[in-house]
Amino acid sequence: MPIVNDELWSILVRSGTVRAYPKGSIIYLQDTPCDGLHCIVKGKVKNCLLLPDGSETILTLYQKNTIISEAAAVNNWLHICTAVAQTYVETVLVPPNTVRSIILAYPDLAFVLIESMGMKLRACSAQASELSCRPVRSCLAKLLVTLENYGVEKESGKWFHITHSDLGGMAGTTRPNVTSILNNFARAGLIELKRGKLRIVSYAELDNIARCD
């Protein structure tokens, strides 16, 4: 995830108002007007695309001390995706005009916003490509070797905190299907599994599956 330095973070959280969201609630909805930049100060958030059939594709996952709704906040655009609270979440909402004023005074913030927007665009592009032409096993292997690009929390540099349901949302498949494939990967010694988290043992073998299936 793009990192906001301590000085900028302090300025942002002092410039907005605190909002609280229970687990499962919508922070903002795709294709609706933006009310500002959200600075996550507590909890976990997922950004997802809502598809015409009512399903969703998870784009990125966010932890505390990161920012979301950056594109809309700068340009008063509509939200390009939906943000959902995965846990109890608190954000500081900074109005668009205030964000622009801060950028003028601290141009480094513009680079953080651009990097964050770029990450979402890369996620959209990668998932569109993967889902359109790859078997689920290959798609999931590719997702595992690139988990850090999606903002998945990593514990002690080894264990990724992510549920099978969220992996299914990112790979465009069901939780039982993900569980079956992950169990096969674990039996083959490619990953280790614990409740709510996993560790990659062989990036090379997973990358080979992603390329060859």
C-alpha atoms as a PDB file:
ATOM      1  CA  MET A   1       0.000   0.000   0.000  1.00  0.00           C
ATOM      2  CA  PRO A   2       1.193   3.556  -0.657  1.00  0.00           C
ATOM      3  CA  ILE A   3       2.579   5.014   2.571  1.00  0.00           C
ATOM      4  CA  VAL A   4       1.675   8.475   3.848  1.00  0.00           C
ATOM      5  CA  ASN A   5       4.499   9.890   5.957  1.00  0.00           C
ATOM      6  CA  ASP A   6       3.804  10.812   9.559  1.00  0.00           C
ATOM      7  CA  GLU A   7       3.668  14.562   8.892  1.00  0.00           C
ATOM      8  CA  LEU A   8       1.133  14.276   6.075  1.00  0.00           C
ATOM      9  CA  TRP A   9      -0.921  11.723   7.977  1.00  0.00           C
ATOM     10  CA  SER A  10      -1.125  14.015  10.982  1.00  0.00           C
ATOM     11  CA  ILE A  11      -2.225  16.917   8.779  1.00  0.00           C
ATOM     12  CA  LEU A  12      -4.903  14.824   7.045  1.00  0.00           C
ATOM     13  CA  VAL A  13      -6.467  13.412  10.217  1.00  0.00           C
ATOM     14  CA  ARG A  14      -6.576  16.873  11.782  1.00  0.00           C
ATOM     15  CA  SER A  15      -8.370  18.231   8.710  1.00  0.00           C
ATOM     16  CA  GLY A  16     -11.458  16.025   8.680  1.00  0.00           C
ATOM     17  CA  THR A  17     -14.199  14.492  10.767  1.00  0.00           C
ATOM     18  CA  VAL A  18     -14.301  11.010  12.281  1.00  0.00           C
ATOM     19  CA  ARG A  19     -16.783   8.520  10.814  1.00  0.00           C
ATOM     20  CA  ALA A  20     -17.581   5.081  12.293  1.00  0.00           C
ATOM     21  CA  TYR A  21     -18.769   2.028  10.328  1.00  0.00           C
ATOM     22  CA  PRO A  22     -19.947  -1.309  11.792  1.00  0.00           C
ATOM     23  CA  LYS A  23     -18.613  -4.521  10.280  1.00  0.00           C
ATOM     24  CA  GLY A  24     -20.231  -5.236   6.901  1.00  0.00           C
ATOM     25  CA  SER A  25     -21.455  -1.687   6.315  1.00  0.00           C
ATOM     26  CA  ILE A  26     -20.791   0.275   3.140  1.00  0.00           C
ATOM     27  CA  ILE A  27     -18.385   3.187   3.498  1.00  0.00           C
ATOM     28  CA  TYR A  28     -19.081   4.433  -0.017  1.00  0.00           C
ATOM     29  CA  LEU A  29     -20.841   2.980  -3.029  1.00  0.00           C
ATOM     30  CA  GLN A  30     -19.673   2.592  -6.596  1.00  0.00           C
ATOM     31  CA  ASP A  31     -21.015   5.226  -9.035  1.00  0.00           C
ATOM     32  CA  THR A  32     -22.153   7.590  -6.269  1.00  0.00           C
ATOM     33  CA  PRO A  33     -20.778  11.121  -5.673  1.00  0.00           C
ATOM     34  CA  CYS A  34     -17.699  11.378  -3.479  1.00  0.00           C
ATOM     35  CA  ASP A  35     -17.806  13.278  -0.187  1.00  0.00           C
ATOM     36  CA  GLY A  36     -14.055  13.302   0.392  1.00  0.00           C
ATOM     37  CA  LEU A  37     -10.879  11.387   1.136  1.00  0.00           C
ATOM     38  CA  HIS A  38     -11.142   8.637   3.765  1.00  0.00           C
ATOM     39  CA  CYS A  39      -8.152   8.091   6.060  1.00  0.00           C
ATOM     40  CA  ILE A  40      -8.510   4.705   7.782  1.00  0.00           C
ATOM     41  CA  VAL A  41      -7.580   5.043  11.443  1.00  0.00           C
ATOM     42  CA  LYS A  42      -9.027   1.744  12.680  1.00  0.00           C
ATOM     43  CA  GLY A  43     -10.094  -1.569  11.137  1.00  0.00           C
ATOM     44  CA  LYS A  44      -9.951  -3.273   7.754  1.00  0.00           C
ATOM     45  CA  VAL A  45     -11.638  -2.267   4.486  1.00  0.00           C
ATOM     46  CA  LYS A  46     -12.090  -3.975   1.137  1.00  0.00           C
ATOM     47  CA  ASN A  47     -12.496  -2.151  -2.181  1.00  0.00           C
ATOM     48  CA  CYS A  48     -14.599  -4.095  -4.665  1.00  0.00           C
ATOM     49  CA  LEU A  49     -16.395  -3.772  -7.973  1.00  0.00           C
ATOM     50  CA  LEU A  50     -20.107  -4.572  -7.994  1.00  0.00           C
ATOM     51  CA  LEU A  51     -20.970  -6.521 -11.132  1.00  0.00           C
ATOM     52  CA  PRO A  52     -24.283  -6.441 -13.056  1.00  0.00           C
ATOM     53  CA  ASP A  53     -25.232  -9.940 -11.858  1.00  0.00           C
ATOM     54  CA  GLY A  54     -25.027  -8.784  -8.230  1.00  0.00           C
ATOM     55  CA  SER A  55     -21.689 -10.417  -7.484  1.00  0.00           C
ATOM     56  CA  GLU A  56     -18.525  -8.579  -6.505  1.00  0.00           C
ATOM     57  CA  THR A  57     -14.832  -8.722  -7.338  1.00  0.00           C
ATOM     58  CA  ILE A  58     -12.419  -7.643  -4.614  1.00  0.00           C
ATOM     59  CA  LEU A  59      -9.780  -5.232  -5.904  1.00  0.00           C
ATOM     60  CA  THR A  60      -7.697  -4.326  -2.863  1.00  0.00           C
ATOM     61  CA  LEU A  61      -7.665  -4.705   0.912  1.00  0.00           C
ATOM     62  CA  TYR A  62      -6.761  -1.879   3.281  1.00  0.00           C
ATOM     63  CA  GLN A  63      -5.587  -1.674   6.888  1.00  0.00           C
ATOM     64  CA  LYS A  64      -5.378   1.291   9.258  1.00  0.00           C
ATOM     65  CA  ASN A  65      -3.119   4.231   8.347  1.00  0.00           C
ATOM     66  CA  THR A  66      -3.994   4.053   4.648  1.00  0.00           C
ATOM     67  CA  ILE A  67      -6.205   6.199   2.423  1.00  0.00           C
ATOM     68  CA  ILE A  68      -9.120   5.368   0.136  1.00  0.00           C
ATOM     69  CA  SER A  69     -11.467   7.229  -2.248  1.00  0.00           C
ATOM     70  CA  GLU A  70      -8.465   9.211  -3.476  1.00  0.00           C
ATOM     71  CA  ALA A  71      -9.478   9.762  -7.120  1.00  0.00           C
ATOM     72  CA  ALA A  72     -12.949  11.026  -6.299  1.00  0.00           C
ATOM     73  CA  ALA A  73     -11.648  13.222  -3.500  1.00  0.00           C
ATOM     74  CA  VAL A  74      -9.317  15.104  -5.811  1.00  0.00           C
ATOM     75  CA  ASN A  75     -11.653  15.550  -8.761  1.00  0.00           C
ATOM     76  CA  ASN A  76     -15.180  15.336  -7.323  1.00  0.00           C
ATOM     77  CA  TRP A  77     -15.693  12.240  -9.477  1.00  0.00           C
ATOM     78  CA  LEU A  78     -18.061   9.397  -8.804  1.00  0.00           C
ATOM     79  CA  HIS A  79     -16.624   6.502  -6.830  1.00  0.00           C
ATOM     80  CA  ILE A  80     -15.144   3.897  -9.206  1.00  0.00           C
ATOM     81  CA  CYS A  81     -15.639   1.085  -6.692  1.00  0.00           C
ATOM     82  CA  THR A  82     -17.352   0.239  -3.412  1.00  0.00           C
ATOM     83  CA  ALA A  83     -15.684   0.215   0.015  1.00  0.00           C
ATOM     84  CA  VAL A  84     -16.975  -2.188   2.669  1.00  0.00           C
ATOM     85  CA  ALA A  85     -15.946  -2.428   6.336  1.00  0.00           C
ATOM     86  CA  GLN A  86     -14.554  -5.917   6.993  1.00  0.00           C
ATOM     87  CA  THR A  87     -14.306  -5.143  10.707  1.00  0.00           C
ATOM     88  CA  TYR A  88     -15.453  -2.212  12.803  1.00  0.00           C
ATOM     89  CA  VAL A  89     -13.886   0.752  10.992  1.00  0.00           C
ATOM     90  CA  GLU A  90     -13.182   4.364  11.808  1.00  0.00           C
ATOM     91  CA  THR A  91     -12.082   6.820   9.138  1.00  0.00           C
ATOM     92  CA  VAL A  92     -11.356  10.522   9.059  1.00  0.00           C
ATOM     93  CA  LEU A  93     -13.230  12.077   6.143  1.00  0.00           C
ATOM     94  CA  VAL A  94     -11.370  15.010   4.568  1.00  0.00           C
ATOM     95  CA  PRO A  95     -13.488  17.189   2.206  1.00  0.00           C
ATOM     96  CA  PRO A  96     -12.289  17.457  -1.448  1.00  0.00           C
ATOM     97  CA  ASN A  97     -11.523  21.189  -1.223  1.00  0.00           C
ATOM     98  CA  THR A  98      -9.402  20.589   1.858  1.00  0.00           C
ATOM     99  CA  VAL A  99      -7.531  17.750   0.111  1.00  0.00           C
ATOM    100  CA  ARG A 100      -6.681  20.028  -2.785  1.00  0.00           C
ATOM    101  CA  SER A 101      -5.439  22.729  -0.414  1.00  0.00           C
ATOM    102  CA  ILE A 102      -3.202  20.217   1.346  1.00  0.00           C
ATOM    103  CA  ILE A 103      -1.797  19.027  -2.001  1.00  0.00           C
ATOM    104  CA  LEU A 104      -0.851  22.600  -2.902  1.00  0.00           C
ATOM    105  CA  ALA A 105       1.020  22.942   0.376  1.00  0.00           C
ATOM    106  CA  TYR A 106       2.437  19.392   0.400  1.00  0.00           C
ATOM    107  CA  PRO A 107       2.917  18.107  -3.190  1.00  0.00           C
ATOM    108  CA  ASP A 108       4.186  14.737  -1.930  1.00  0.00           C
ATOM    109  CA  LEU A 109       0.580  13.860  -1.157  1.00  0.00           C
ATOM    110  CA  ALA A 110      -0.208  13.989  -4.884  1.00  0.00           C
ATOM    111  CA  PHE A 111       2.315  11.215  -5.531  1.00  0.00           C
ATOM    112  CA  VAL A 112       0.749   9.050  -2.825  1.00  0.00           C
ATOM    113  CA  LEU A 113      -2.719   9.548  -4.341  1.00  0.00           C
ATOM    114  CA  ILE A 114      -1.453   8.751  -7.853  1.00  0.00           C
ATOM    115  CA  GLU A 115       0.281   5.599  -6.614  1.00  0.00           C
ATOM    116  CA  SER A 116      -2.880   4.471  -4.844  1.00  0.00           C
ATOM    117  CA  MET A 117      -5.015   5.085  -7.938  1.00  0.00           C
ATOM    118  CA  GLY A 118      -2.479   3.225 -10.040  1.00  0.00           C
ATOM    119  CA  MET A 119      -2.689   0.236  -7.722  1.00  0.00           C
ATOM    120  CA  LYS A 120      -6.458   0.017  -8.225  1.00  0.00           C
ATOM    121  CA  LEU A 121      -6.092   0.301 -12.002  1.00  0.00           C
ATOM    122  CA  ARG A 122      -3.454  -2.446 -12.047  1.00  0.00           C
ATOM    123  CA  ALA A 123      -5.699  -4.655  -9.932  1.00  0.00           C
ATOM    124  CA  CYS A 124      -8.635  -4.082 -12.301  1.00  0.00           C
ATOM    125  CA  SER A 125      -6.499  -4.821 -15.356  1.00  0.00           C
ATOM    126  CA  ALA A 126      -4.862  -7.905 -13.865  1.00  0.00           C
ATOM    127  CA  GLN A 127      -8.123  -9.408 -12.652  1.00  0.00           C
ATOM    128  CA  ALA A 128      -9.890  -8.769 -15.954  1.00  0.00           C
ATOM    129  CA  SER A 129      -7.081 -10.573 -17.751  1.00  0.00           C
ATOM    130  CA  GLU A 130      -6.869 -13.456 -15.297  1.00  0.00           C
ATOM    131  CA  LEU A 131     -10.603 -14.101 -15.038  1.00  0.00           C
ATOM    132  CA  SER A 132     -11.176 -13.986 -18.773  1.00  0.00           C
ATOM    133  CA  CYS A 133      -8.649 -16.591 -19.870  1.00  0.00           C
ATOM    134  CA  ARG A 134      -7.233 -18.647 -16.957  1.00  0.00           C
ATOM    135  CA  PRO A 135      -8.451 -21.752 -15.123  1.00  0.00           C
ATOM    136  CA  VAL A 136      -9.299 -21.041 -11.484  1.00  0.00           C
ATOM    137  CA  ARG A 137      -6.278 -23.036 -10.228  1.00  0.00           C
ATOM    138  CA  SER A 138      -3.930 -20.929 -12.353  1.00  0.00           C
ATOM    139  CA  CYS A 139      -5.691 -17.705 -11.423  1.00  0.00           C
ATOM    140  CA  LEU A 140      -5.447 -18.496  -7.706  1.00  0.00           C
ATOM    141  CA  ALA A 141      -1.751 -19.387  -8.007  1.00  0.00           C
ATOM    142  CA  LYS A 142      -1.083 -16.067  -9.720  1.00  0.00           C
ATOM    143  CA  LEU A 143      -3.042 -14.250  -7.024  1.00  0.00           C
ATOM    144  CA  LEU A 144      -1.033 -15.908  -4.244  1.00  0.00           C
ATOM    145  CA  VAL A 145       2.329 -14.826  -5.635  1.00  0.00           C
ATOM    146  CA  THR A 146       1.111 -11.238  -5.994  1.00  0.00           C
ATOM    147  CA  LEU A 147      -0.870 -10.869  -2.741  1.00  0.00           C
ATOM    148  CA  GLU A 148       1.256  -7.959  -1.533  1.00  0.00           C
ATOM    149  CA  ASN A 149       0.126  -5.942  -4.573  1.00  0.00           C
ATOM    150  CA  TYR A 150      -3.446  -6.137  -3.259  1.00  0.00           C
ATOM    151  CA  GLY A 151      -2.706  -4.706   0.186  1.00  0.00           C
ATOM    152  CA  VAL A 152      -3.092  -7.988   2.070  1.00  0.00           C
ATOM    153  CA  GLU A 153      -1.769  -7.711   5.626  1.00  0.00           C
ATOM    154  CA  LYS A 154       1.430  -9.675   6.246  1.00  0.00           C
ATOM    155  CA  GLU A 155       2.488 -10.864   9.697  1.00  0.00           C
ATOM    156  CA  SER A 156       6.193 -10.974  10.558  1.00  0.00           C
ATOM    157  CA  GLY A 157       7.073 -10.956   6.874  1.00  0.00           C
ATOM    158  CA  LYS A 158       5.632 -14.447   6.343  1.00  0.00           C
ATOM    159  CA  TRP A 159       1.926 -15.030   7.037  1.00  0.00           C
ATOM    160  CA  PHE A 160      -0.749 -13.304   4.952  1.00  0.00           C
ATOM    161  CA  HIS A 161      -3.989 -12.544   6.799  1.00  0.00           C
ATOM    162  CA  ILE A 162      -6.765 -13.329   4.327  1.00  0.00           C
ATOM    163  CA  THR A 163      -9.871 -15.521   4.332  1.00  0.00           C
ATOM    164  CA  HIS A 164     -10.802 -18.098   1.720  1.00  0.00           C
ATOM    165  CA  SER A 165     -13.930 -16.058   1.054  1.00  0.00           C
ATOM    166  CA  ASP A 166     -11.884 -12.942   0.227  1.00  0.00           C
ATOM    167  CA  LEU A 167      -9.558 -14.957  -2.014  1.00  0.00           C
ATOM    168  CA  GLY A 168     -12.649 -16.235  -3.811  1.00  0.00           C
ATOM    169  CA  GLY A 169     -13.853 -12.669  -4.260  1.00  0.00           C
ATOM    170  CA  MET A 170     -10.498 -11.685  -5.750  1.00  0.00           C
ATOM    171  CA  ALA A 171     -10.218 -14.759  -7.991  1.00  0.00           C
ATOM    172  CA  GLY A 172     -13.830 -14.752  -9.164  1.00  0.00           C
ATOM    173  CA  THR A 173     -14.767 -18.118  -7.656  1.00  0.00           C
ATOM    174  CA  THR A 174     -16.470 -19.609  -4.594  1.00  0.00           C
ATOM    175  CA  ARG A 175     -15.045 -20.132  -1.124  1.00  0.00           C
ATOM    176  CA  PRO A 176     -15.372 -23.973  -1.293  1.00  0.00           C
ATOM    177  CA  ASN A 177     -13.493 -23.979  -4.593  1.00  0.00           C
ATOM    178  CA  VAL A 178     -10.727 -21.846  -3.089  1.00  0.00           C
ATOM    179  CA  THR A 179     -10.507 -24.122  -0.038  1.00  0.00           C
ATOM    180  CA  SER A 180     -10.175 -27.211  -2.241  1.00  0.00           C
ATOM    181  CA  ILE A 181      -7.410 -25.694  -4.370  1.00  0.00           C
ATOM    182  CA  LEU A 182      -5.537 -24.287  -1.362  1.00  0.00           C
ATOM    183  CA  ASN A 183      -5.652 -27.680   0.358  1.00  0.00           C
ATOM    184  CA  ASN A 184      -4.134 -29.230  -2.766  1.00  0.00           C
ATOM    185  CA  PHE A 185      -1.400 -26.581  -2.794  1.00  0.00           C
ATOM    186  CA  ALA A 186      -0.733 -27.280   0.902  1.00  0.00           C
ATOM    187  CA  ARG A 187      -0.507 -31.033   0.350  1.00  0.00           C
ATOM    188  CA  ALA A 188       2.010 -30.358  -2.422  1.00  0.00           C
ATOM    189  CA  GLY A 189       4.104 -28.276  -0.022  1.00  0.00           C
ATOM    190  CA  LEU A 190       3.580 -25.007  -1.881  1.00  0.00           C
ATOM    191  CA  ILE A 191       1.854 -23.169   0.976  1.00  0.00           C
ATOM    192  CA  GLU A 192       1.059 -23.558   4.659  1.00  0.00           C
ATOM    193  CA  LEU A 193      -2.437 -22.906   5.975  1.00  0.00           C
ATOM    194  CA  LYS A 194      -3.765 -21.709   9.322  1.00  0.00           C
ATOM    195  CA  ARG A 195      -7.168 -20.337  10.222  1.00  0.00           C
ATOM    196  CA  GLY A 196      -7.567 -16.983   8.457  1.00  0.00           C
ATOM    197  CA  LYS A 197      -4.016 -16.872   7.129  1.00  0.00           C
ATOM    198  CA  LEU A 198      -1.515 -18.585   4.863  1.00  0.00           C
ATOM    199  CA  ARG A 199       2.219 -18.636   4.133  1.00  0.00           C
ATOM    200  CA  ILE A 200       3.819 -19.035   0.719  1.00  0.00           C
ATOM    201  CA  VAL A 201       6.452 -21.799   0.776  1.00  0.00           C
ATOM    202  CA  SER A 202       7.347 -21.904  -2.924  1.00  0.00           C
ATOM    203  CA  TYR A 203       6.770 -18.775  -4.965  1.00  0.00           C
ATOM    204  CA  ALA A 204       8.577 -20.419  -7.906  1.00  0.00           C
ATOM    205  CA  GLU A 205       6.266 -23.447  -8.066  1.00  0.00           C
ATOM    206  CA  LEU A 206       3.135 -21.318  -7.745  1.00  0.00           C
ATOM    207  CA  ASP A 207       4.411 -18.995 -10.464  1.00  0.00           C
ATOM    208  CA  ASN A 208       5.023 -22.020 -12.673  1.00  0.00           C
ATOM    209  CA  ILE A 209       1.412 -23.160 -12.153  1.00  0.00           C
ATOM    210  CA  ALA A 210       0.176 -19.654 -12.962  1.00  0.00           C
ATOM    211  CA  ARG A 211       2.152 -19.626 -16.206  1.00  0.00           C
ATOM    212  CA  CYS A 212       1.579 -23.177 -17.369  1.00  0.00           C
ATOM    213  CA  ASP A 213      -2.041 -24.110 -16.596  1.00  0.00           C
END
